[in-house]
N, C-alpha and C. Protein backbone atom coordinates (compact mmCIF):
# COMPACT_ATOMS: atom_id res chain seq x y z
N MET A 1 -7.77 5.22 -12.63
CA MET A 1 -8.70 4.15 -12.35
C MET A 1 -9.42 4.40 -11.03
N TYR A 2 -8.69 4.73 -9.98
CA TYR A 2 -9.28 5.04 -8.68
C TYR A 2 -8.93 6.50 -8.35
N PRO A 3 -9.84 7.21 -7.72
CA PRO A 3 -9.48 8.56 -7.26
C PRO A 3 -8.34 8.46 -6.24
N ILE A 4 -7.42 9.40 -6.28
CA ILE A 4 -6.27 9.39 -5.39
C ILE A 4 -6.41 10.54 -4.38
N ILE A 5 -6.23 10.22 -3.11
CA ILE A 5 -6.25 11.20 -2.04
C ILE A 5 -4.93 11.10 -1.29
N SER A 6 -4.22 12.19 -1.19
CA SER A 6 -2.93 12.19 -0.49
C SER A 6 -3.15 12.32 1.00
N ILE A 7 -2.31 11.63 1.78
CA ILE A 7 -2.35 11.75 3.24
C ILE A 7 -0.93 12.01 3.74
N LEU A 8 -0.88 12.64 4.87
CA LEU A 8 0.39 12.88 5.54
C LEU A 8 0.30 12.20 6.89
N THR A 9 1.25 11.34 7.20
CA THR A 9 1.21 10.62 8.46
C THR A 9 2.61 10.46 9.03
N ASP A 10 2.68 10.33 10.32
CA ASP A 10 3.94 10.07 11.01
C ASP A 10 4.09 8.57 11.17
N LEU A 11 5.29 8.07 10.92
CA LEU A 11 5.59 6.65 11.11
C LEU A 11 6.61 6.49 12.23
N PRO A 12 6.46 5.44 13.01
CA PRO A 12 7.53 5.14 13.97
C PRO A 12 8.84 4.92 13.20
N GLU A 13 9.93 5.29 13.81
CA GLU A 13 11.23 5.21 13.15
C GLU A 13 11.54 3.79 12.67
N ALA A 14 11.18 2.79 13.45
CA ALA A 14 11.46 1.40 13.06
C ALA A 14 10.74 1.04 11.76
N LEU A 15 9.49 1.49 11.60
CA LEU A 15 8.76 1.23 10.35
C LEU A 15 9.40 1.96 9.18
N HIS A 16 9.77 3.21 9.41
CA HIS A 16 10.41 3.98 8.34
C HIS A 16 11.72 3.33 7.90
N THR A 17 12.51 2.90 8.85
CA THR A 17 13.78 2.25 8.53
C THR A 17 13.55 0.97 7.74
N SER A 18 12.60 0.15 8.19
CA SER A 18 12.30 -1.10 7.49
C SER A 18 11.76 -0.84 6.09
N LEU A 19 10.90 0.17 5.97
CA LEU A 19 10.36 0.51 4.66
C LEU A 19 11.46 0.97 3.72
N THR A 20 12.35 1.80 4.21
CA THR A 20 13.46 2.27 3.40
C THR A 20 14.34 1.11 2.94
N GLN A 21 14.65 0.20 3.85
CA GLN A 21 15.46 -0.96 3.49
C GLN A 21 14.75 -1.84 2.47
N TYR A 22 13.45 -2.04 2.65
CA TYR A 22 12.68 -2.85 1.70
C TYR A 22 12.71 -2.23 0.30
N LEU A 23 12.49 -0.93 0.25
CA LEU A 23 12.46 -0.25 -1.04
C LEU A 23 13.82 -0.27 -1.73
N GLU A 24 14.88 -0.21 -0.95
CA GLU A 24 16.22 -0.30 -1.53
C GLU A 24 16.47 -1.68 -2.15
N GLN A 25 15.91 -2.71 -1.54
CA GLN A 25 16.09 -4.08 -2.03
C GLN A 25 15.09 -4.47 -3.11
N HIS A 26 14.01 -3.70 -3.25
CA HIS A 26 12.95 -4.00 -4.23
C HIS A 26 12.64 -2.74 -5.04
N PRO A 27 13.51 -2.41 -6.00
CA PRO A 27 13.34 -1.16 -6.74
C PRO A 27 12.08 -1.11 -7.61
N ASP A 28 11.42 -2.25 -7.81
CA ASP A 28 10.18 -2.25 -8.59
C ASP A 28 8.98 -1.80 -7.76
N TRP A 29 9.16 -1.59 -6.46
CA TRP A 29 8.12 -1.09 -5.56
C TRP A 29 8.45 0.34 -5.18
N ASP A 30 7.41 1.13 -4.86
CA ASP A 30 7.64 2.46 -4.31
C ASP A 30 6.82 2.61 -3.03
N GLN A 31 7.07 3.69 -2.32
CA GLN A 31 6.43 3.90 -1.02
C GLN A 31 4.91 3.89 -1.14
N ASP A 32 4.38 4.51 -2.17
CA ASP A 32 2.92 4.55 -2.34
C ASP A 32 2.33 3.16 -2.54
N GLN A 33 2.99 2.33 -3.33
CA GLN A 33 2.51 0.96 -3.54
C GLN A 33 2.51 0.17 -2.25
N VAL A 34 3.58 0.27 -1.49
CA VAL A 34 3.68 -0.48 -0.23
C VAL A 34 2.59 -0.06 0.74
N LEU A 35 2.40 1.24 0.91
CA LEU A 35 1.40 1.72 1.85
C LEU A 35 -0.02 1.40 1.39
N THR A 36 -0.28 1.49 0.08
CA THR A 36 -1.60 1.14 -0.45
C THR A 36 -1.88 -0.34 -0.25
N ALA A 37 -0.89 -1.19 -0.53
CA ALA A 37 -1.07 -2.64 -0.33
C ALA A 37 -1.29 -2.96 1.14
N ALA A 38 -0.51 -2.33 2.01
CA ALA A 38 -0.62 -2.61 3.44
C ALA A 38 -1.98 -2.17 3.99
N LEU A 39 -2.42 -0.97 3.63
CA LEU A 39 -3.69 -0.47 4.13
C LEU A 39 -4.87 -1.28 3.59
N SER A 40 -4.85 -1.61 2.31
CA SER A 40 -5.96 -2.39 1.75
C SER A 40 -5.99 -3.80 2.34
N LEU A 41 -4.84 -4.41 2.56
CA LEU A 41 -4.80 -5.73 3.18
C LEU A 41 -5.33 -5.67 4.61
N PHE A 42 -4.93 -4.64 5.36
CA PHE A 42 -5.43 -4.46 6.72
C PHE A 42 -6.95 -4.39 6.72
N LEU A 43 -7.52 -3.59 5.83
CA LEU A 43 -8.97 -3.45 5.76
C LEU A 43 -9.64 -4.77 5.40
N LEU A 44 -9.08 -5.49 4.45
CA LEU A 44 -9.65 -6.78 4.06
C LEU A 44 -9.60 -7.78 5.22
N GLN A 45 -8.52 -7.79 5.95
CA GLN A 45 -8.36 -8.73 7.06
C GLN A 45 -9.23 -8.37 8.26
N ASN A 46 -9.71 -7.14 8.28
CA ASN A 46 -10.49 -6.69 9.43
C ASN A 46 -11.94 -6.39 9.07
N GLY A 47 -12.45 -7.12 8.10
CA GLY A 47 -13.88 -7.12 7.85
C GLY A 47 -14.41 -6.23 6.76
N GLU A 48 -13.56 -5.50 6.06
CA GLU A 48 -14.04 -4.66 4.96
C GLU A 48 -14.24 -5.55 3.74
N CYS A 49 -15.48 -5.72 3.34
CA CYS A 49 -15.80 -6.66 2.25
C CYS A 49 -16.08 -5.97 0.93
N ASP A 50 -15.72 -4.73 0.80
CA ASP A 50 -15.97 -3.96 -0.42
C ASP A 50 -15.09 -4.51 -1.56
N ARG A 51 -15.72 -4.80 -2.67
CA ARG A 51 -14.98 -5.34 -3.82
C ARG A 51 -13.95 -4.35 -4.35
N GLN A 52 -14.20 -3.06 -4.18
CA GLN A 52 -13.22 -2.07 -4.63
C GLN A 52 -11.94 -2.15 -3.82
N ILE A 53 -12.05 -2.45 -2.53
CA ILE A 53 -10.85 -2.60 -1.70
C ILE A 53 -10.05 -3.81 -2.18
N THR A 54 -10.75 -4.89 -2.49
CA THR A 54 -10.08 -6.08 -3.03
C THR A 54 -9.38 -5.75 -4.34
N SER A 55 -10.05 -4.99 -5.19
CA SER A 55 -9.45 -4.61 -6.48
C SER A 55 -8.22 -3.74 -6.29
N VAL A 56 -8.29 -2.79 -5.36
CA VAL A 56 -7.14 -1.93 -5.09
C VAL A 56 -5.96 -2.79 -4.63
N TYR A 57 -6.21 -3.71 -3.72
CA TYR A 57 -5.16 -4.58 -3.20
C TYR A 57 -4.52 -5.39 -4.33
N LEU A 58 -5.34 -6.07 -5.11
CA LEU A 58 -4.80 -6.91 -6.18
C LEU A 58 -4.11 -6.10 -7.27
N ASP A 59 -4.70 -4.96 -7.63
CA ASP A 59 -4.06 -4.11 -8.64
C ASP A 59 -2.71 -3.62 -8.15
N THR A 60 -2.61 -3.29 -6.87
CA THR A 60 -1.34 -2.83 -6.31
C THR A 60 -0.30 -3.95 -6.35
N LEU A 61 -0.71 -5.14 -5.97
CA LEU A 61 0.23 -6.27 -5.97
C LEU A 61 0.74 -6.58 -7.37
N PHE A 62 -0.16 -6.46 -8.34
CA PHE A 62 0.21 -6.81 -9.70
C PHE A 62 0.53 -5.59 -10.54
N LYS A 63 0.69 -4.45 -9.87
CA LYS A 63 1.21 -3.20 -10.45
C LYS A 63 0.40 -2.67 -11.61
N HIS A 64 -0.91 -2.82 -11.56
CA HIS A 64 -1.73 -2.13 -12.55
C HIS A 64 -1.74 -0.67 -12.18
N SER A 65 -1.64 0.18 -13.16
CA SER A 65 -1.62 1.60 -12.85
C SER A 65 -2.96 2.07 -12.32
N THR A 66 -2.91 2.99 -11.35
CA THR A 66 -4.14 3.51 -10.76
C THR A 66 -4.37 4.93 -11.19
């Protein structure tokens, strides 16, 4: 549905630990979904008004395949 581009990034240890704990408690989510939801929400909250960003965010929350 959307083109996928892979990124490699360093996370602070506290974020990595929290993400790992979250994923262990929520097996229906994966790392890619969490990061996609977080990044798209950040963009929406900071002035990005592109409808595609809104679609990515909502599709990620409701687990539509991308």
